[in-house]
Amino acid sequence: MNQNNQYYSGTGKGFTAKAMTYLIPLRPYLLVIITLFLLATVTGYVSAYFNPDIIDELMGQFEETYGWIAEESPIMIMLFIFANNTINSFIAMLLGTFFGIWPVIFILVNGYFIGVVVFSSVQEYGILVVLFALLPHGIIELPMIFISASMGLRLGVLAFQKIFKIKDIRFKYELFSAIRFFVTVIVPLLFIAAIIETFITTSILYIMTS
């Protein structure tokens, strides 16, 4: 029985131990995703430094698309954040089956945008405020996004290996395993992150910027 099977076999030392076992084969893909994210974030930060017009352009697009949510109640904001992160993470994982292309694009785009936003926020509020804005929820949210993308990347590699008969891959089983892990582990943690971002991070930022 391989490492993935142990997570779904019903044996072992409990749910947490089985979930951690599932993460073992994801480690090389997770390293790739995190590396790409950091490179994209640095690129976004540097781009904003040398061309501040990028800030207005990206923030304008963001405001046009998501500006309406600021007028909603905290509960609606929390549900929107949760739904947005969950749907995007699930899509990144699921579309990874097409040779892992979409998870890479997803991470690069988001990393670049975050780099631009971080530069803009540091200039306006300072590094301390930015850290307090990112850490409370980001310490949960970002790893979940990274793991989702790494699952998508792994599924893409497995699909490639199966199609070209490089390895004997039980692809349907691997896809089901990824979806089950997403639903049982990632979705609940993204929900917690959304609660923290809406109610705790916002309160901290209000105090620090008042």
Protein backbone atom coordinates (compact mmCIF):
# COMPACT_ATOMS: atom_id res chain seq x y z
CA MET A 1 0.00 0.00 0.00
CA ASN A 2 1.48 3.36 -1.00
CA GLN A 3 1.62 6.49 1.15
CA ASN A 4 -1.51 7.99 -0.37
CA ASN A 5 -3.52 4.84 0.31
CA GLN A 6 -2.75 5.07 4.04
CA TYR A 7 -4.73 8.30 4.26
CA TYR A 8 -7.89 6.65 3.00
CA SER A 9 -7.49 3.14 4.35
CA GLY A 10 -9.06 3.95 7.73
CA THR A 11 -5.93 2.77 9.56
CA GLY A 12 -3.21 4.70 11.31
CA LYS A 13 -3.04 6.99 14.33
CA GLY A 14 -5.94 9.23 13.39
CA PHE A 15 -7.12 11.73 10.87
CA THR A 16 -4.27 14.22 11.37
CA ALA A 17 -1.57 11.58 10.99
CA LYS A 18 -3.21 10.26 7.82
CA ALA A 19 -3.53 13.78 6.40
CA MET A 20 0.15 14.44 7.07
CA THR A 21 0.97 11.17 5.33
CA TYR A 22 -0.90 12.35 2.26
CA LEU A 23 1.30 15.47 2.16
CA ILE A 24 4.55 13.48 1.92
CA PRO A 25 4.52 12.93 -1.88
CA LEU A 26 3.49 16.57 -2.34
CA ARG A 27 6.74 17.95 -0.92
CA PRO A 28 8.69 18.39 -4.19
CA TYR A 29 5.67 19.97 -5.88
CA LEU A 30 5.06 22.20 -2.88
CA LEU A 31 8.67 23.37 -3.06
CA VAL A 32 8.20 24.27 -6.74
CA ILE A 33 4.96 26.17 -6.01
CA ILE A 34 6.42 28.14 -3.09
CA THR A 35 9.53 29.00 -5.11
CA LEU A 36 7.43 30.25 -8.02
CA PHE A 37 5.24 32.26 -5.65
CA LEU A 38 8.23 33.95 -4.01
CA LEU A 39 9.79 34.76 -7.39
CA ALA A 40 6.51 36.21 -8.64
CA THR A 41 6.05 38.23 -5.43
CA VAL A 42 9.54 39.70 -5.69
CA THR A 43 8.91 40.45 -9.37
CA GLY A 44 5.68 42.26 -8.50
CA TYR A 45 7.36 44.23 -5.74
CA VAL A 46 10.27 45.27 -7.97
CA SER A 47 7.94 46.11 -10.86
CA ALA A 48 5.90 48.40 -8.60
CA TYR A 49 9.09 50.04 -7.36
CA PHE A 50 10.33 50.89 -10.85
CA ASN A 51 6.90 51.54 -12.38
CA PRO A 52 4.40 52.88 -9.79
CA ASP A 53 1.74 53.18 -12.50
CA ILE A 54 1.29 49.42 -12.19
CA ILE A 55 -0.15 49.98 -8.72
CA ASP A 56 -2.93 52.25 -9.95
CA GLU A 57 -3.68 49.92 -12.86
CA LEU A 58 -3.94 46.73 -10.81
CA MET A 59 -5.74 48.34 -7.87
CA GLY A 60 -8.17 49.96 -10.29
CA GLN A 61 -8.96 46.57 -11.81
CA PHE A 62 -9.33 45.06 -8.35
CA GLU A 63 -11.65 47.86 -7.20
CA GLU A 64 -13.75 47.53 -10.33
CA THR A 65 -14.17 43.79 -9.81
CA TYR A 66 -14.41 43.49 -6.03
CA GLY A 67 -15.11 47.01 -4.78
CA TRP A 68 -18.76 46.22 -4.15
CA ILE A 69 -17.93 43.83 -1.32
CA ALA A 70 -16.77 46.70 0.92
CA GLU A 71 -20.40 47.81 1.27
CA GLU A 72 -21.57 44.42 2.51
CA SER A 73 -21.91 43.18 6.09
CA PRO A 74 -18.94 41.50 7.82
CA ILE A 75 -20.66 38.11 7.51
CA MET A 76 -21.11 38.57 3.76
CA ILE A 77 -17.49 39.71 3.42
CA MET A 78 -16.32 36.64 5.32
CA LEU A 79 -18.43 34.32 3.18
CA PHE A 80 -17.17 36.00 0.00
CA ILE A 81 -13.53 35.64 1.06
CA PHE A 82 -14.11 32.00 1.94
CA ALA A 83 -15.95 31.23 -1.29
CA ASN A 84 -13.44 33.10 -3.45
CA ASN A 85 -10.41 31.37 -1.93
CA THR A 86 -12.08 27.96 -1.94
CA ILE A 87 -13.28 28.13 -5.54
CA ASN A 88 -9.99 29.48 -6.88
CA SER A 89 -7.95 26.92 -4.94
CA PHE A 90 -10.21 24.07 -6.10
CA ILE A 91 -9.96 25.21 -9.72
CA ALA A 92 -6.17 25.43 -9.42
CA MET A 93 -6.13 21.85 -8.15
CA LEU A 94 -8.67 20.42 -10.58
CA LEU A 95 -7.33 22.10 -13.73
CA GLY A 96 -3.89 20.90 -12.78
CA THR A 97 -4.92 17.64 -14.43
CA PHE A 98 -4.12 19.38 -17.73
CA PHE A 99 -0.37 18.82 -17.28
CA GLY A 100 -0.11 21.17 -14.28
CA ILE A 101 -0.25 24.36 -16.33
CA TRP A 102 -3.05 26.18 -14.51
CA PRO A 103 -1.68 25.86 -10.93
CA VAL A 104 1.56 27.46 -12.12
CA ILE A 105 -0.29 30.34 -13.81
CA PHE A 106 -2.51 30.74 -10.74
CA ILE A 107 0.46 31.00 -8.38
CA LEU A 108 2.45 33.34 -10.63
CA VAL A 109 -0.46 35.76 -11.13
CA ASN A 110 -1.37 35.84 -7.45
CA GLY A 111 2.25 36.15 -6.36
CA TYR A 112 2.81 39.08 -8.70
CA PHE A 113 -0.35 40.84 -7.51
CA ILE A 114 0.59 40.35 -3.86
CA GLY A 115 4.05 41.76 -4.55
CA VAL A 116 2.54 44.92 -6.02
CA VAL A 117 0.06 45.26 -3.14
CA VAL A 118 2.77 44.72 -0.53
CA PHE A 119 4.94 47.44 -2.08
CA SER A 120 2.01 49.87 -2.18
CA SER A 121 0.98 49.07 1.39
CA VAL A 122 4.51 49.36 2.77
CA GLN A 123 4.87 52.80 1.19
CA GLU A 124 1.58 53.96 2.70
CA TYR A 125 1.46 52.24 6.09
CA GLY A 126 4.90 50.79 6.81
CA ILE A 127 6.20 47.25 7.06
CA LEU A 128 4.81 46.62 10.56
CA VAL A 129 1.21 47.26 9.51
CA VAL A 130 1.66 45.06 6.43
CA LEU A 131 2.94 42.19 8.54
CA PHE A 132 -0.01 42.46 10.91
CA ALA A 133 -2.33 42.58 7.90
CA LEU A 134 -0.92 39.39 6.38
CA LEU A 135 0.16 37.16 9.25
CA PRO A 136 -3.06 36.46 11.22
CA HIS A 137 -4.92 34.88 8.31
CA GLY A 138 -2.05 34.42 5.86
CA ILE A 139 -0.36 31.87 8.10
CA ILE A 140 -3.31 29.58 7.35
CA GLU A 141 -4.57 30.83 4.01
CA LEU A 142 -1.32 30.83 2.04
CA PRO A 143 -0.26 27.27 2.96
CA MET A 144 -3.72 26.02 1.93
CA ILE A 145 -3.41 27.79 -1.43
CA PHE A 146 0.12 26.44 -1.89
CA ILE A 147 -1.01 22.89 -1.09
CA SER A 148 -3.98 23.15 -3.48
CA ALA A 149 -1.70 24.30 -6.28
CA SER A 150 0.87 21.62 -5.49
CA MET A 151 -1.86 18.95 -5.65
CA GLY A 152 -2.86 20.31 -9.04
CA LEU A 153 0.75 20.26 -10.22
CA ARG A 154 1.17 16.69 -9.00
CA LEU A 155 -2.03 15.61 -10.75
CA GLY A 156 -0.69 17.17 -13.93
CA VAL A 157 2.53 15.18 -13.67
CA LEU A 158 0.60 11.98 -12.95
CA ALA A 159 -1.70 12.63 -15.93
CA PHE A 160 1.34 13.11 -18.15
CA GLN A 161 2.90 9.88 -16.88
CA LYS A 162 -0.32 7.95 -17.47
CA ILE A 163 -1.03 9.34 -20.94
CA PHE A 164 2.48 8.62 -22.17
CA LYS A 165 2.61 5.29 -20.28
CA ILE A 166 5.68 6.32 -18.28
CA LYS A 167 4.20 4.79 -15.12
CA ASP A 168 1.19 2.71 -14.23
CA ILE A 169 -0.91 5.41 -12.55
CA ARG A 170 -4.32 4.90 -10.92
CA PHE A 171 -5.31 8.40 -11.96
CA LYS A 172 -8.98 8.29 -10.95
CA TYR A 173 -7.96 7.16 -7.49
CA GLU A 174 -5.36 9.93 -7.23
CA LEU A 175 -7.92 12.52 -8.34
CA PHE A 176 -10.46 11.26 -5.81
CA SER A 177 -7.80 11.33 -3.08
CA ALA A 178 -6.92 14.94 -3.89
CA ILE A 179 -10.57 16.02 -3.87
CA ARG A 180 -11.22 14.27 -0.59
CA PHE A 181 -8.17 15.88 1.03
CA PHE A 182 -9.30 19.26 -0.30
CA VAL A 183 -12.80 18.89 1.16
CA THR A 184 -11.77 17.45 4.53
CA VAL A 185 -8.65 19.53 5.24
CA ILE A 186 -8.30 22.58 3.03
CA VAL A 187 -11.92 23.80 3.00
CA PRO A 188 -12.28 23.94 6.83
CA LEU A 189 -8.94 25.74 7.21
CA LEU A 190 -9.83 28.26 4.51
CA PHE A 191 -13.05 28.92 6.42
CA ILE A 192 -11.08 29.62 9.60
CA ALA A 193 -8.73 31.90 7.65
CA ALA A 194 -11.69 33.85 6.26
CA ILE A 195 -13.07 34.37 9.78
CA ILE A 196 -9.69 35.60 11.01
CA GLU A 197 -9.23 37.91 8.02
CA THR A 198 -12.67 39.45 8.39
CA PHE A 199 -12.93 39.91 12.14
CA ILE A 200 -9.42 39.79 13.63
CA THR A 201 -7.16 41.21 10.93
CA THR A 202 -9.60 44.04 10.25
CA SER A 203 -9.72 44.96 13.94
CA ILE A 204 -5.93 44.95 14.21
CA LEU A 205 -5.56 47.14 11.14
CA TYR A 206 -8.22 49.58 12.41
CA ILE A 207 -6.32 50.00 15.68
CA MET A 208 -2.93 50.36 14.00
CA THR A 209 -4.08 52.86 11.36
CA SER A 210 -6.36 54.99 13.54
